[in-house]
């Protein structure tokens, strides 16, 4: 490569020398997925605006669905040490309930429901 950049090298054509000096060549066939229609320019801004307007109702409906759902529950990670029999029993309960399609069936949901019930019963959770 170093020899190719020397000006006195007769084996290299001027086009090849320019290519080497320019760096990475631009591909001859551009990506068909990335066309000029996909990139908003002065010529196709109207088409881009129309496309955005057509997709806006779909996005609004998704946003409206999220807003109409009841309060969002935020989950946090907590670690506890428990007696050895509890994780085994929890896994069995979770598996059995999932096979019967009875909710709650995830370990997280079972523990959350049981703990919430205990906290309510003892006046710590409203």
N, C-alpha and C. Protein backbone atom coordinates (compact mmCIF):
# COMPACT_ATOMS: atom_id res chain seq x y z
N UNK A 1 0.83 -1.18 0.00
CA UNK A 1 0.00 0.00 0.00
C UNK A 1 0.88 1.25 0.00
N UNK A 2 1.94 1.21 0.79
CA UNK A 2 2.82 2.38 0.83
C UNK A 2 3.47 2.61 -0.53
N UNK A 3 3.80 1.51 -1.20
CA UNK A 3 4.41 1.64 -2.52
C UNK A 3 3.42 2.20 -3.52
N UNK A 4 2.17 1.86 -3.36
CA UNK A 4 1.14 2.33 -4.28
C UNK A 4 0.93 3.83 -4.17
N UNK A 5 1.23 4.40 -3.02
CA UNK A 5 1.03 5.83 -2.82
C UNK A 5 2.19 6.67 -3.34
N UNK A 6 3.25 6.02 -3.73
CA UNK A 6 4.39 6.75 -4.27
C UNK A 6 4.03 7.28 -5.65
N UNK A 7 4.31 8.55 -5.96
CA UNK A 7 3.93 9.12 -7.26
C UNK A 7 4.64 8.51 -8.45
N UNK A 8 5.79 7.89 -8.28
CA UNK A 8 6.56 7.37 -9.40
C UNK A 8 6.23 5.91 -9.71
N UNK A 9 5.17 5.34 -9.14
CA UNK A 9 4.84 3.95 -9.38
C UNK A 9 4.10 3.84 -10.70
N UNK A 10 4.68 3.20 -11.72
CA UNK A 10 4.05 3.16 -13.04
C UNK A 10 2.92 2.13 -13.15
N UNK A 11 2.85 1.12 -12.30
CA UNK A 11 1.88 0.04 -12.43
C UNK A 11 0.47 0.47 -12.00
N UNK A 12 0.33 1.59 -11.34
CA UNK A 12 -0.97 2.02 -10.82
C UNK A 12 -1.51 3.15 -11.67
N UNK A 13 -2.76 2.98 -12.08
CA UNK A 13 -3.40 4.01 -12.91
C UNK A 13 -3.79 5.19 -12.04
N UNK A 14 -3.99 6.34 -12.63
CA UNK A 14 -4.39 7.52 -11.85
C UNK A 14 -5.74 7.32 -11.15
N UNK A 15 -6.66 6.56 -11.75
CA UNK A 15 -7.96 6.30 -11.11
C UNK A 15 -7.77 5.48 -9.84
N UNK A 16 -6.90 4.47 -9.92
CA UNK A 16 -6.63 3.62 -8.76
C UNK A 16 -5.95 4.43 -7.67
N UNK A 17 -5.02 5.30 -8.05
CA UNK A 17 -4.33 6.14 -7.08
C UNK A 17 -5.31 7.09 -6.39
N UNK A 18 -6.25 7.66 -7.15
CA UNK A 18 -7.27 8.54 -6.56
C UNK A 18 -8.18 7.78 -5.61
N UNK A 19 -8.51 6.54 -5.98
CA UNK A 19 -9.35 5.71 -5.13
C UNK A 19 -8.66 5.41 -3.81
N UNK A 20 -7.39 5.09 -3.87
CA UNK A 20 -6.62 4.79 -2.66
C UNK A 20 -6.53 6.03 -1.78
N UNK A 21 -6.29 7.18 -2.38
CA UNK A 21 -6.19 8.41 -1.60
C UNK A 21 -7.53 8.85 -1.02
N UNK A 22 -8.63 8.55 -1.72
CA UNK A 22 -9.96 8.97 -1.27
C UNK A 22 -10.45 8.14 -0.09
N UNK A 23 -10.01 6.92 0.02
CA UNK A 23 -10.46 6.08 1.13
C UNK A 23 -11.52 5.09 0.68
N UNK A 24 -12.48 4.83 1.54
CA UNK A 24 -13.53 3.86 1.25
C UNK A 24 -14.42 4.34 0.11
N UNK A 25 -14.61 3.51 -0.90
CA UNK A 25 -15.44 3.92 -2.02
C UNK A 25 -16.92 3.92 -1.66
N UNK A 26 -17.69 4.73 -2.37
CA UNK A 26 -19.13 4.79 -2.19
C UNK A 26 -19.74 3.65 -3.01
N UNK A 27 -20.67 2.87 -2.45
CA UNK A 27 -21.23 1.75 -3.20
C UNK A 27 -21.98 2.22 -4.45
N UNK A 28 -21.87 1.42 -5.53
CA UNK A 28 -22.54 1.74 -6.79
C UNK A 28 -24.05 1.61 -6.65
N UNK A 29 -24.52 0.52 -5.98
CA UNK A 29 -25.95 0.28 -5.79
C UNK A 29 -26.31 0.64 -4.35
N UNK A 30 -27.03 1.74 -4.15
CA UNK A 30 -27.39 2.11 -2.79
C UNK A 30 -28.37 1.09 -2.21
N UNK A 31 -28.49 1.09 -0.90
CA UNK A 31 -29.38 0.19 -0.19
C UNK A 31 -30.81 0.43 -0.66
N UNK A 32 -31.49 -0.58 -1.20
CA UNK A 32 -32.85 -0.36 -1.69
C UNK A 32 -33.83 -0.03 -0.57
N UNK A 33 -33.50 -0.40 0.66
CA UNK A 33 -34.39 -0.09 1.78
C UNK A 33 -34.29 1.37 2.18
N UNK A 34 -33.17 2.00 1.88
CA UNK A 34 -32.96 3.39 2.24
C UNK A 34 -32.99 4.20 0.95
N UNK A 35 -34.17 4.64 0.58
CA UNK A 35 -34.32 5.40 -0.65
C UNK A 35 -34.47 6.86 -0.32
N UNK A 36 -34.48 7.68 -1.35
CA UNK A 36 -34.64 9.11 -1.12
C UNK A 36 -36.00 9.43 -0.55
N UNK A 37 -36.99 8.56 -0.76
CA UNK A 37 -38.32 8.79 -0.19
C UNK A 37 -38.30 8.61 1.31
N UNK A 38 -37.36 7.80 1.82
CA UNK A 38 -37.29 7.57 3.26
C UNK A 38 -36.62 8.72 3.99
N UNK A 39 -35.86 9.54 3.26
CA UNK A 39 -35.16 10.66 3.87
C UNK A 39 -35.87 11.94 3.47
N UNK A 40 -36.47 12.68 4.43
CA UNK A 40 -37.19 13.90 4.06
C UNK A 40 -36.24 14.95 3.50
N UNK A 41 -36.54 15.45 2.32
CA UNK A 41 -35.80 16.54 1.70
C UNK A 41 -36.80 17.59 1.27
N UNK A 42 -36.32 18.66 0.70
CA UNK A 42 -37.22 19.73 0.28
C UNK A 42 -38.22 19.22 -0.74
N UNK A 43 -37.82 18.30 -1.60
CA UNK A 43 -38.70 17.80 -2.64
C UNK A 43 -39.77 16.85 -2.15
N UNK A 44 -39.50 16.11 -1.08
CA UNK A 44 -40.49 15.14 -0.64
C UNK A 44 -40.97 15.38 0.79
N UNK A 45 -40.92 16.61 1.26
CA UNK A 45 -41.41 16.91 2.61
C UNK A 45 -42.90 16.71 2.72
N UNK A 46 -43.63 17.01 1.65
CA UNK A 46 -45.08 16.81 1.68
C UNK A 46 -45.41 15.33 1.83
N UNK A 47 -44.69 14.48 1.11
CA UNK A 47 -44.93 13.04 1.20
C UNK A 47 -44.58 12.54 2.60
N UNK A 48 -43.51 13.06 3.17
CA UNK A 48 -43.12 12.65 4.52
C UNK A 48 -44.16 13.11 5.53
N UNK A 49 -44.70 14.31 5.36
CA UNK A 49 -45.72 14.81 6.28
C UNK A 49 -46.99 13.99 6.16
N UNK A 50 -47.36 13.63 4.91
CA UNK A 50 -48.56 12.82 4.70
C UNK A 50 -48.39 11.45 5.34
N UNK A 51 -47.20 10.86 5.18
CA UNK A 51 -46.92 9.56 5.76
C UNK A 51 -46.98 9.62 7.28
N UNK A 52 -46.45 10.69 7.86
CA UNK A 52 -46.48 10.85 9.31
C UNK A 52 -47.91 11.06 9.79
N UNK A 53 -48.71 11.78 9.03
CA UNK A 53 -50.10 12.02 9.41
C UNK A 53 -50.90 10.73 9.36
N UNK A 54 -50.60 9.86 8.39
CA UNK A 54 -51.31 8.59 8.29
C UNK A 54 -50.97 7.67 9.44
N UNK A 55 -49.73 7.70 9.91
CA UNK A 55 -49.34 6.82 11.01
C UNK A 55 -49.68 7.41 12.37
N UNK A 56 -50.01 8.69 12.44
CA UNK A 56 -50.30 9.33 13.71
C UNK A 56 -51.51 8.73 14.43
N UNK A 57 -52.64 8.41 13.75
CA UNK A 57 -53.77 7.85 14.48
C UNK A 57 -53.43 6.54 15.17
N UNK A 58 -52.58 5.72 14.56
CA UNK A 58 -52.19 4.46 15.19
C UNK A 58 -51.41 4.75 16.46
N UNK A 59 -50.50 5.70 16.39
CA UNK A 59 -49.71 6.04 17.57
C UNK A 59 -50.59 6.65 18.65
N UNK A 60 -51.55 7.49 18.28
CA UNK A 60 -52.43 8.11 19.27
C UNK A 60 -53.26 7.06 19.98
N UNK A 61 -53.75 6.08 19.24
CA UNK A 61 -54.59 5.08 19.87
C UNK A 61 -53.80 4.27 20.89
N UNK A 62 -52.54 3.99 20.58
CA UNK A 62 -51.71 3.28 21.55
C UNK A 62 -51.48 4.13 22.78
N UNK A 63 -51.25 5.42 22.59
CA UNK A 63 -51.02 6.31 23.72
C UNK A 63 -52.30 6.43 24.54
N UNK A 64 -53.45 6.55 23.88
CA UNK A 64 -54.71 6.66 24.59
C UNK A 64 -54.99 5.39 25.37
N UNK A 65 -54.65 4.24 24.85
CA UNK A 65 -54.86 3.00 25.57
C UNK A 65 -54.03 2.97 26.84
N UNK A 66 -52.81 3.45 26.76
CA UNK A 66 -51.95 3.47 27.94
C UNK A 66 -52.49 4.44 28.99
N UNK A 67 -53.05 5.56 28.55
CA UNK A 67 -53.57 6.54 29.48
C UNK A 67 -54.84 6.07 30.16
N UNK A 68 -55.64 5.24 29.49
CA UNK A 68 -56.90 4.80 30.05
C UNK A 68 -56.74 3.61 30.98
N UNK A 69 -55.58 2.97 30.97
CA UNK A 69 -55.38 1.84 31.87
C UNK A 69 -55.29 2.34 33.30
N UNK A 70 -55.65 1.50 34.27
CA UNK A 70 -55.54 1.92 35.66
C UNK A 70 -54.09 2.24 36.02
N UNK A 71 -53.90 2.72 37.21
CA UNK A 71 -52.57 3.16 37.63
C UNK A 71 -51.50 2.12 37.30
N UNK A 72 -50.35 2.61 36.90
CA UNK A 72 -49.25 1.75 36.54
C UNK A 72 -48.56 1.26 37.81
N UNK A 73 -48.29 -0.02 37.85
CA UNK A 73 -47.62 -0.61 39.00
C UNK A 73 -46.12 -0.64 38.71
N UNK A 74 -45.35 -0.04 39.57
CA UNK A 74 -43.90 -0.04 39.44
C UNK A 74 -43.34 -1.18 40.28
N UNK A 75 -42.52 -2.01 39.67
CA UNK A 75 -41.92 -3.13 40.37
C UNK A 75 -40.49 -2.79 40.76
N UNK A 76 -40.09 -3.22 41.94
CA UNK A 76 -38.72 -3.02 42.41
C UNK A 76 -38.14 -4.37 42.80
N UNK A 77 -36.85 -4.47 42.72
CA UNK A 77 -36.17 -5.70 43.07
C UNK A 77 -35.82 -5.69 44.56
N UNK A 78 -36.21 -6.77 45.27
CA UNK A 78 -35.93 -6.88 46.70
C UNK A 78 -35.44 -8.30 46.96
N UNK A 79 -34.47 -8.46 47.82
CA UNK A 79 -33.94 -9.78 48.16
C UNK A 79 -34.20 -10.09 49.62
N UNK A 80 -34.64 -11.32 49.88
CA UNK A 80 -34.88 -11.78 51.25
C UNK A 80 -34.33 -13.17 51.42
N UNK A 81 -33.99 -13.48 52.65
CA UNK A 81 -33.61 -14.86 52.98
C UNK A 81 -34.84 -15.52 53.57
N UNK A 82 -35.18 -16.66 53.01
CA UNK A 82 -36.39 -17.37 53.42
C UNK A 82 -36.04 -18.80 53.82
N UNK A 83 -36.91 -19.45 54.60
CA UNK A 83 -36.68 -20.86 54.90
C UNK A 83 -36.62 -21.67 53.59
N UNK A 84 -35.80 -22.69 53.56
CA UNK A 84 -35.53 -23.45 52.34
C UNK A 84 -36.78 -24.07 51.74
N UNK A 85 -37.79 -24.36 52.51
CA UNK A 85 -39.00 -25.01 52.00
C UNK A 85 -39.86 -24.05 51.18
N UNK A 86 -39.79 -22.75 51.42
CA UNK A 86 -40.67 -21.79 50.76
C UNK A 86 -40.38 -21.68 49.26
N UNK A 87 -39.14 -21.51 48.80
CA UNK A 87 -38.92 -21.42 47.35
C UNK A 87 -39.36 -22.67 46.61
N UNK A 88 -39.17 -23.85 47.20
CA UNK A 88 -39.59 -25.09 46.56
C UNK A 88 -41.10 -25.15 46.45
N UNK A 89 -41.79 -24.80 47.54
CA UNK A 89 -43.25 -24.81 47.52
C UNK A 89 -43.78 -23.74 46.56
N UNK A 90 -43.14 -22.60 46.50
CA UNK A 90 -43.55 -21.53 45.60
C UNK A 90 -43.40 -21.97 44.15
N UNK A 91 -42.32 -22.63 43.82
CA UNK A 91 -42.10 -23.13 42.47
C UNK A 91 -43.17 -24.15 42.10
N UNK A 92 -43.49 -25.06 43.02
CA UNK A 92 -44.53 -26.06 42.76
C UNK A 92 -45.88 -25.39 42.57
N UNK A 93 -46.22 -24.44 43.43
CA UNK A 93 -47.50 -23.73 43.31
C UNK A 93 -47.58 -22.99 41.98
N UNK A 94 -46.49 -22.34 41.62
CA UNK A 94 -46.46 -21.59 40.37
C UNK A 94 -46.66 -22.51 39.17
N UNK A 95 -45.97 -23.62 39.16
CA UNK A 95 -46.08 -24.58 38.05
C UNK A 95 -47.49 -25.16 37.96
N UNK A 96 -48.04 -25.58 39.09
CA UNK A 96 -49.39 -26.14 39.11
C UNK A 96 -50.42 -25.13 38.61
N UNK A 97 -50.32 -23.89 39.08
CA UNK A 97 -51.29 -22.87 38.70
C UNK A 97 -51.16 -22.51 37.21
N UNK A 98 -49.94 -22.53 36.72
CA UNK A 98 -49.74 -22.22 35.30
C UNK A 98 -50.34 -23.30 34.43
N UNK A 99 -50.18 -24.57 34.82
CA UNK A 99 -50.77 -25.67 34.06
C UNK A 99 -52.30 -25.58 34.05
N UNK A 100 -52.88 -25.15 35.17
CA UNK A 100 -54.34 -25.01 35.27
C UNK A 100 -54.84 -23.67 34.72
N UNK A 101 -53.87 -22.81 34.35
CA UNK A 101 -54.18 -21.47 33.85
C UNK A 101 -54.98 -20.67 34.88
N UNK A 102 -54.55 -20.77 36.12
CA UNK A 102 -55.18 -20.04 37.22
C UNK A 102 -54.27 -18.90 37.62
N UNK A 103 -54.80 -17.69 37.60
CA UNK A 103 -54.00 -16.53 38.01
C UNK A 103 -54.15 -16.32 39.50
N UNK A 104 -53.15 -15.83 40.18
CA UNK A 104 -51.79 -15.56 39.72
C UNK A 104 -51.00 -16.86 39.61
N UNK A 105 -50.17 -16.94 38.59
CA UNK A 105 -49.38 -18.15 38.43
C UNK A 105 -47.88 -17.90 38.38
N UNK A 106 -47.44 -16.66 38.26
CA UNK A 106 -45.99 -16.42 38.31
C UNK A 106 -45.57 -16.32 39.77
N UNK A 107 -44.36 -16.71 40.05
CA UNK A 107 -43.86 -16.63 41.42
C UNK A 107 -43.94 -15.19 41.93
N UNK A 108 -43.61 -14.25 41.07
CA UNK A 108 -43.63 -12.83 41.45
C UNK A 108 -45.04 -12.41 41.85
N UNK A 109 -46.03 -12.79 41.06
CA UNK A 109 -47.41 -12.41 41.35
C UNK A 109 -47.93 -13.08 42.61
N UNK A 110 -47.58 -14.36 42.81
CA UNK A 110 -48.04 -15.09 44.00
C UNK A 110 -47.47 -14.44 45.25
N UNK A 111 -46.17 -14.16 45.24
CA UNK A 111 -45.53 -13.54 46.40
C UNK A 111 -46.10 -12.15 46.63
N UNK A 112 -46.27 -11.37 45.56
CA UNK A 112 -46.81 -10.03 45.71
C UNK A 112 -48.21 -10.03 46.29
N UNK A 113 -49.07 -10.94 45.82
CA UNK A 113 -50.44 -11.01 46.32
C UNK A 113 -50.46 -11.45 47.78
N UNK A 114 -49.66 -12.46 48.12
CA UNK A 114 -49.63 -12.95 49.50
C UNK A 114 -49.11 -11.89 50.46
N UNK A 115 -48.07 -11.21 50.06
CA UNK A 115 -47.48 -10.18 50.93
C UNK A 115 -48.43 -8.99 51.07
N UNK A 116 -49.07 -8.59 49.98
CA UNK A 116 -50.03 -7.48 50.05
C UNK A 116 -51.19 -7.84 50.97
N UNK A 117 -51.68 -9.07 50.87
CA UNK A 117 -52.78 -9.51 51.74
C UNK A 117 -52.38 -9.45 53.21
N UNK A 118 -51.17 -9.94 53.52
CA UNK A 118 -50.69 -9.91 54.90
C UNK A 118 -50.57 -8.47 55.40
N UNK A 119 -49.98 -7.58 54.58
CA UNK A 119 -49.80 -6.18 54.97
C UNK A 119 -51.14 -5.50 55.18
N UNK A 120 -52.14 -5.79 54.35
CA UNK A 120 -53.48 -5.20 54.53
C UNK A 120 -54.12 -5.70 55.81
N UNK A 121 -54.00 -6.99 56.05
CA UNK A 121 -54.60 -7.61 57.23
C UNK A 121 -54.06 -6.99 58.52
N UNK A 122 -52.79 -6.62 58.50
CA UNK A 122 -52.16 -6.06 59.70
C UNK A 122 -52.10 -4.53 59.67
N UNK A 123 -52.76 -3.90 58.71
CA UNK A 123 -52.91 -2.46 58.69
C UNK A 123 -51.72 -1.68 58.15
N UNK A 124 -50.83 -2.31 57.42
CA UNK A 124 -49.66 -1.61 56.88
C UNK A 124 -49.85 -1.15 55.45
N UNK A 125 -50.89 -1.64 54.79
CA UNK A 125 -51.14 -1.31 53.39
C UNK A 125 -52.63 -1.05 53.22
N UNK A 126 -52.96 0.02 52.55
CA UNK A 126 -54.38 0.35 52.35
C UNK A 126 -54.97 -0.38 51.20
